[in-house]
Amino acid sequence: MRTTEGKGVQLIVNTVGGSVFEESLKCLSFQGRLGTVGYVDGVLHAPLDIEALHAKRLTLFGVSNKMRSPDQRAEPVLGFIKDILPSFADGRIRPCLDSVFEFKDLEAAKARMESNAHVGKIVLKVISS
């Protein structure tokens, strides 16, 4: 909240899960939105501050592809290609890479992932360059 001078943020995409849900609500601005995409922390329940939900007029939503058809899953791909990929190509969006492992070092890559010490993506090279 300090970064936004107490105003909060308009959108939070929670890929962590229930362990950050309550704090995420606190960080939302008036009419903020909280999308829960995953729960890598394994925490599936979290307290809900109904007063904040009401007073800030928050929108909470979940995102999952499990119950969607293959056609529904494919639907946003063309938009991603058109709207997002050019930002990768011209450098406006850069992936955050933690580390790169050769396929032969699969066990080390897995250990790095399971350590929860990484920041960014762990890449496994399938074809050597």
C-alpha atoms as a PDB file:
ATOM      1  CA  MET A   1       0.000   0.000   0.000  1.00  0.00           C
ATOM      2  CA  ARG A   2       2.965   2.284   0.581  1.00  0.00           C
ATOM      3  CA  THR A   3       3.905   2.101  -3.107  1.00  0.00           C
ATOM      4  CA  THR A   4       0.420   3.253  -4.145  1.00  0.00           C
ATOM      5  CA  GLU A   5       0.258   5.932  -1.409  1.00  0.00           C
ATOM      6  CA  GLY A   6      -2.540   4.003   0.293  1.00  0.00           C
ATOM      7  CA  LYS A   7      -4.730   3.809  -2.809  1.00  0.00           C
ATOM      8  CA  GLY A   8      -4.193   0.123  -3.574  1.00  0.00           C
ATOM      9  CA  VAL A   9      -3.975  -1.615  -6.925  1.00  0.00           C
ATOM     10  CA  GLN A  10      -6.709  -2.181  -9.481  1.00  0.00           C
ATOM     11  CA  LEU A  11      -5.892  -5.785 -10.349  1.00  0.00           C
ATOM     12  CA  ILE A  12      -4.187  -8.679  -8.601  1.00  0.00           C
ATOM     13  CA  VAL A  13      -3.615 -12.027 -10.302  1.00  0.00           C
ATOM     14  CA  ASN A  14      -3.144 -14.527  -7.512  1.00  0.00           C
ATOM     15  CA  THR A  15      -1.236 -17.564  -8.731  1.00  0.00           C
ATOM     16  CA  VAL A  16      -0.154 -18.555  -5.206  1.00  0.00           C
ATOM     17  CA  GLY A  17      -3.416 -19.463  -3.480  1.00  0.00           C
ATOM     18  CA  GLY A  18      -5.122 -19.086  -0.124  1.00  0.00           C
ATOM     19  CA  SER A  19      -2.025 -18.111   1.843  1.00  0.00           C
ATOM     20  CA  VAL A  20      -1.944 -14.681   0.103  1.00  0.00           C
ATOM     21  CA  PHE A  21      -5.692 -14.210  -0.457  1.00  0.00           C
ATOM     22  CA  GLU A  22      -6.419 -12.115   2.651  1.00  0.00           C
ATOM     23  CA  GLU A  23      -3.413  -9.828   2.087  1.00  0.00           C
ATOM     24  CA  SER A  24      -4.355  -9.476  -1.577  1.00  0.00           C
ATOM     25  CA  LEU A  25      -7.801  -8.166  -0.612  1.00  0.00           C
ATOM     26  CA  LYS A  26      -6.176  -5.546   1.611  1.00  0.00           C
ATOM     27  CA  CYS A  27      -4.025  -4.341  -1.305  1.00  0.00           C
ATOM     28  CA  LEU A  28      -6.927  -3.732  -3.693  1.00  0.00           C
ATOM     29  CA  SER A  29      -8.172  -0.243  -4.527  1.00  0.00           C
ATOM     30  CA  PHE A  30     -11.784   0.872  -4.722  1.00  0.00           C
ATOM     31  CA  GLN A  31     -13.464  -1.322  -7.352  1.00  0.00           C
ATOM     32  CA  GLY A  32     -10.324  -3.466  -7.532  1.00  0.00           C
ATOM     33  CA  ARG A  33     -10.353  -6.954  -9.000  1.00  0.00           C
ATOM     34  CA  LEU A  34      -8.770 -10.121  -7.657  1.00  0.00           C
ATOM     35  CA  GLY A  35      -8.363 -13.058 -10.021  1.00  0.00           C
ATOM     36  CA  THR A  36      -7.326 -16.365  -8.511  1.00  0.00           C
ATOM     37  CA  VAL A  37      -5.582 -18.496 -11.105  1.00  0.00           C
ATOM     38  CA  GLY A  38      -3.931 -21.197  -9.043  1.00  0.00           C
ATOM     39  CA  TYR A  39      -3.030 -22.504  -5.645  1.00  0.00           C
ATOM     40  CA  VAL A  40       0.556 -23.704  -5.738  1.00  0.00           C
ATOM     41  CA  ASP A  41       0.674 -23.247  -1.966  1.00  0.00           C
ATOM     42  CA  GLY A  42      -2.001 -25.944  -1.581  1.00  0.00           C
ATOM     43  CA  VAL A  43      -4.112 -23.622   0.599  1.00  0.00           C
ATOM     44  CA  LEU A  44      -7.685 -23.870  -0.667  1.00  0.00           C
ATOM     45  CA  HIS A  45      -9.466 -21.885   2.071  1.00  0.00           C
ATOM     46  CA  ALA A  46      -8.943 -18.312   3.228  1.00  0.00           C
ATOM     47  CA  PRO A  47     -10.848 -15.751   5.291  1.00  0.00           C
ATOM     48  CA  LEU A  48     -12.965 -13.282   3.349  1.00  0.00           C
ATOM     49  CA  ASP A  49     -13.367  -9.744   4.709  1.00  0.00           C
ATOM     50  CA  ILE A  50     -16.968  -9.142   3.661  1.00  0.00           C
ATOM     51  CA  GLU A  51     -16.845  -5.550   4.925  1.00  0.00           C
ATOM     52  CA  ALA A  52     -13.904  -4.747   2.595  1.00  0.00           C
ATOM     53  CA  LEU A  53     -15.620  -6.595  -0.253  1.00  0.00           C
ATOM     54  CA  HIS A  54     -18.707  -4.433   0.216  1.00  0.00           C
ATOM     55  CA  ALA A  55     -17.085  -1.076   1.037  1.00  0.00           C
ATOM     56  CA  LYS A  56     -14.486  -1.235  -1.757  1.00  0.00           C
ATOM     57  CA  ARG A  57     -16.958  -2.767  -4.255  1.00  0.00           C
ATOM     58  CA  LEU A  58     -14.437  -5.483  -5.094  1.00  0.00           C
ATOM     59  CA  THR A  59     -14.746  -8.089  -7.810  1.00  0.00           C
ATOM     60  CA  LEU A  60     -13.389 -11.562  -7.095  1.00  0.00           C
ATOM     61  CA  PHE A  61     -13.121 -14.196  -9.807  1.00  0.00           C
ATOM     62  CA  GLY A  62     -11.493 -17.525 -10.466  1.00  0.00           C
ATOM     63  CA  VAL A  63      -9.787 -18.705 -13.633  1.00  0.00           C
ATOM     64  CA  SER A  64      -9.586 -22.361 -14.619  1.00  0.00           C
ATOM     65  CA  ASN A  65      -9.411 -24.263 -17.877  1.00  0.00           C
ATOM     66  CA  LYS A  66     -10.373 -27.632 -16.395  1.00  0.00           C
ATOM     67  CA  MET A  67     -14.048 -27.480 -17.362  1.00  0.00           C
ATOM     68  CA  ARG A  68     -13.524 -25.789 -20.742  1.00  0.00           C
ATOM     69  CA  SER A  69     -13.689 -27.564 -24.100  1.00  0.00           C
ATOM     70  CA  PRO A  70     -10.646 -27.676 -26.409  1.00  0.00           C
ATOM     71  CA  ASP A  71     -12.316 -25.019 -28.606  1.00  0.00           C
ATOM     72  CA  GLN A  72     -12.864 -22.759 -25.587  1.00  0.00           C
ATOM     73  CA  ARG A  73      -9.246 -23.222 -24.524  1.00  0.00           C
ATOM     74  CA  ALA A  74      -8.000 -22.348 -28.013  1.00  0.00           C
ATOM     75  CA  GLU A  75     -10.194 -19.240 -28.333  1.00  0.00           C
ATOM     76  CA  PRO A  76      -7.797 -16.690 -26.737  1.00  0.00           C
ATOM     77  CA  VAL A  77      -4.703 -17.919 -28.619  1.00  0.00           C
ATOM     78  CA  LEU A  78      -5.137 -15.668 -31.666  1.00  0.00           C
ATOM     79  CA  GLY A  79      -5.581 -12.615 -29.424  1.00  0.00           C
ATOM     80  CA  PHE A  80      -2.425 -13.557 -27.507  1.00  0.00           C
ATOM     81  CA  ILE A  81      -0.501 -13.880 -30.776  1.00  0.00           C
ATOM     82  CA  LYS A  82      -1.786 -10.514 -32.010  1.00  0.00           C
ATOM     83  CA  ASP A  83      -1.718  -8.479 -28.774  1.00  0.00           C
ATOM     84  CA  ILE A  84       1.006  -9.963 -26.566  1.00  0.00           C
ATOM     85  CA  LEU A  85       3.680 -11.722 -28.646  1.00  0.00           C
ATOM     86  CA  PRO A  86       4.788  -8.495 -30.398  1.00  0.00           C
ATOM     87  CA  SER A  87       5.701  -7.093 -26.967  1.00  0.00           C
ATOM     88  CA  PHE A  88       8.049 -10.034 -26.437  1.00  0.00           C
ATOM     89  CA  ALA A  89       9.534  -9.582 -29.921  1.00  0.00           C
ATOM     90  CA  ASP A  90      10.315  -5.881 -29.440  1.00  0.00           C
ATOM     91  CA  GLY A  91      11.532  -6.249 -25.852  1.00  0.00           C
ATOM     92  CA  ARG A  92       8.697  -4.458 -24.030  1.00  0.00           C
ATOM     93  CA  ILE A  93       8.008  -7.703 -22.160  1.00  0.00           C
ATOM     94  CA  ARG A  94      10.949  -9.800 -21.036  1.00  0.00           C
ATOM     95  CA  PRO A  95      10.552 -13.121 -19.264  1.00  0.00           C
ATOM     96  CA  CYS A  96      12.092 -13.426 -15.836  1.00  0.00           C
ATOM     97  CA  LEU A  97      14.416 -16.431 -15.988  1.00  0.00           C
ATOM     98  CA  ASP A  98      15.846 -17.919 -12.831  1.00  0.00           C
ATOM     99  CA  SER A  99      18.002 -20.638 -14.350  1.00  0.00           C
ATOM    100  CA  VAL A 100      18.523 -22.851 -17.395  1.00  0.00           C
ATOM    101  CA  PHE A 101      19.308 -26.565 -17.153  1.00  0.00           C
ATOM    102  CA  GLU A 102      20.337 -29.099 -19.772  1.00  0.00           C
ATOM    103  CA  PHE A 103      17.955 -32.051 -20.028  1.00  0.00           C
ATOM    104  CA  LYS A 104      20.632 -34.314 -18.573  1.00  0.00           C
ATOM    105  CA  ASP A 105      20.424 -32.157 -15.405  1.00  0.00           C
ATOM    106  CA  LEU A 106      16.692 -32.771 -14.946  1.00  0.00           C
ATOM    107  CA  GLU A 107      17.124 -33.842 -11.314  1.00  0.00           C
ATOM    108  CA  ALA A 108      18.989 -30.607 -10.479  1.00  0.00           C
ATOM    109  CA  ALA A 109      16.253 -28.570 -12.188  1.00  0.00           C
ATOM    110  CA  LYS A 110      13.605 -30.407 -10.183  1.00  0.00           C
ATOM    111  CA  ALA A 111      15.545 -29.818  -6.976  1.00  0.00           C
ATOM    112  CA  ARG A 112      15.791 -26.101  -7.806  1.00  0.00           C
ATOM    113  CA  MET A 113      12.036 -25.927  -8.355  1.00  0.00           C
ATOM    114  CA  GLU A 114      11.235 -27.834  -5.172  1.00  0.00           C
ATOM    115  CA  SER A 115      13.545 -25.583  -3.132  1.00  0.00           C
ATOM    116  CA  ASN A 116      11.129 -22.674  -3.666  1.00  0.00           C
ATOM    117  CA  ALA A 117      14.196 -20.420  -3.807  1.00  0.00           C
ATOM    118  CA  HIS A 118      13.835 -19.515  -7.478  1.00  0.00           C
ATOM    119  CA  VAL A 119      12.590 -16.191  -8.783  1.00  0.00           C
ATOM    120  CA  GLY A 120      11.290 -16.507 -12.315  1.00  0.00           C
ATOM    121  CA  LYS A 121      11.081 -19.457 -14.628  1.00  0.00           C
ATOM    122  CA  ILE A 122      13.273 -22.521 -14.548  1.00  0.00           C
ATOM    123  CA  VAL A 123      14.027 -23.561 -18.114  1.00  0.00           C
ATOM    124  CA  LEU A 124      14.802 -27.114 -19.166  1.00  0.00           C
ATOM    125  CA  LYS A 125      16.609 -27.307 -22.512  1.00  0.00           C
ATOM    126  CA  VAL A 126      15.368 -30.278 -24.477  1.00  0.00           C
ATOM    127  CA  ILE A 127      17.554 -29.646 -27.533  1.00  0.00           C
ATOM    128  CA  SER A 128      21.162 -28.506 -27.081  1.00  0.00           C
ATOM    129  CA  SER A 129      22.212 -25.482 -29.067  1.00  0.00           C
END
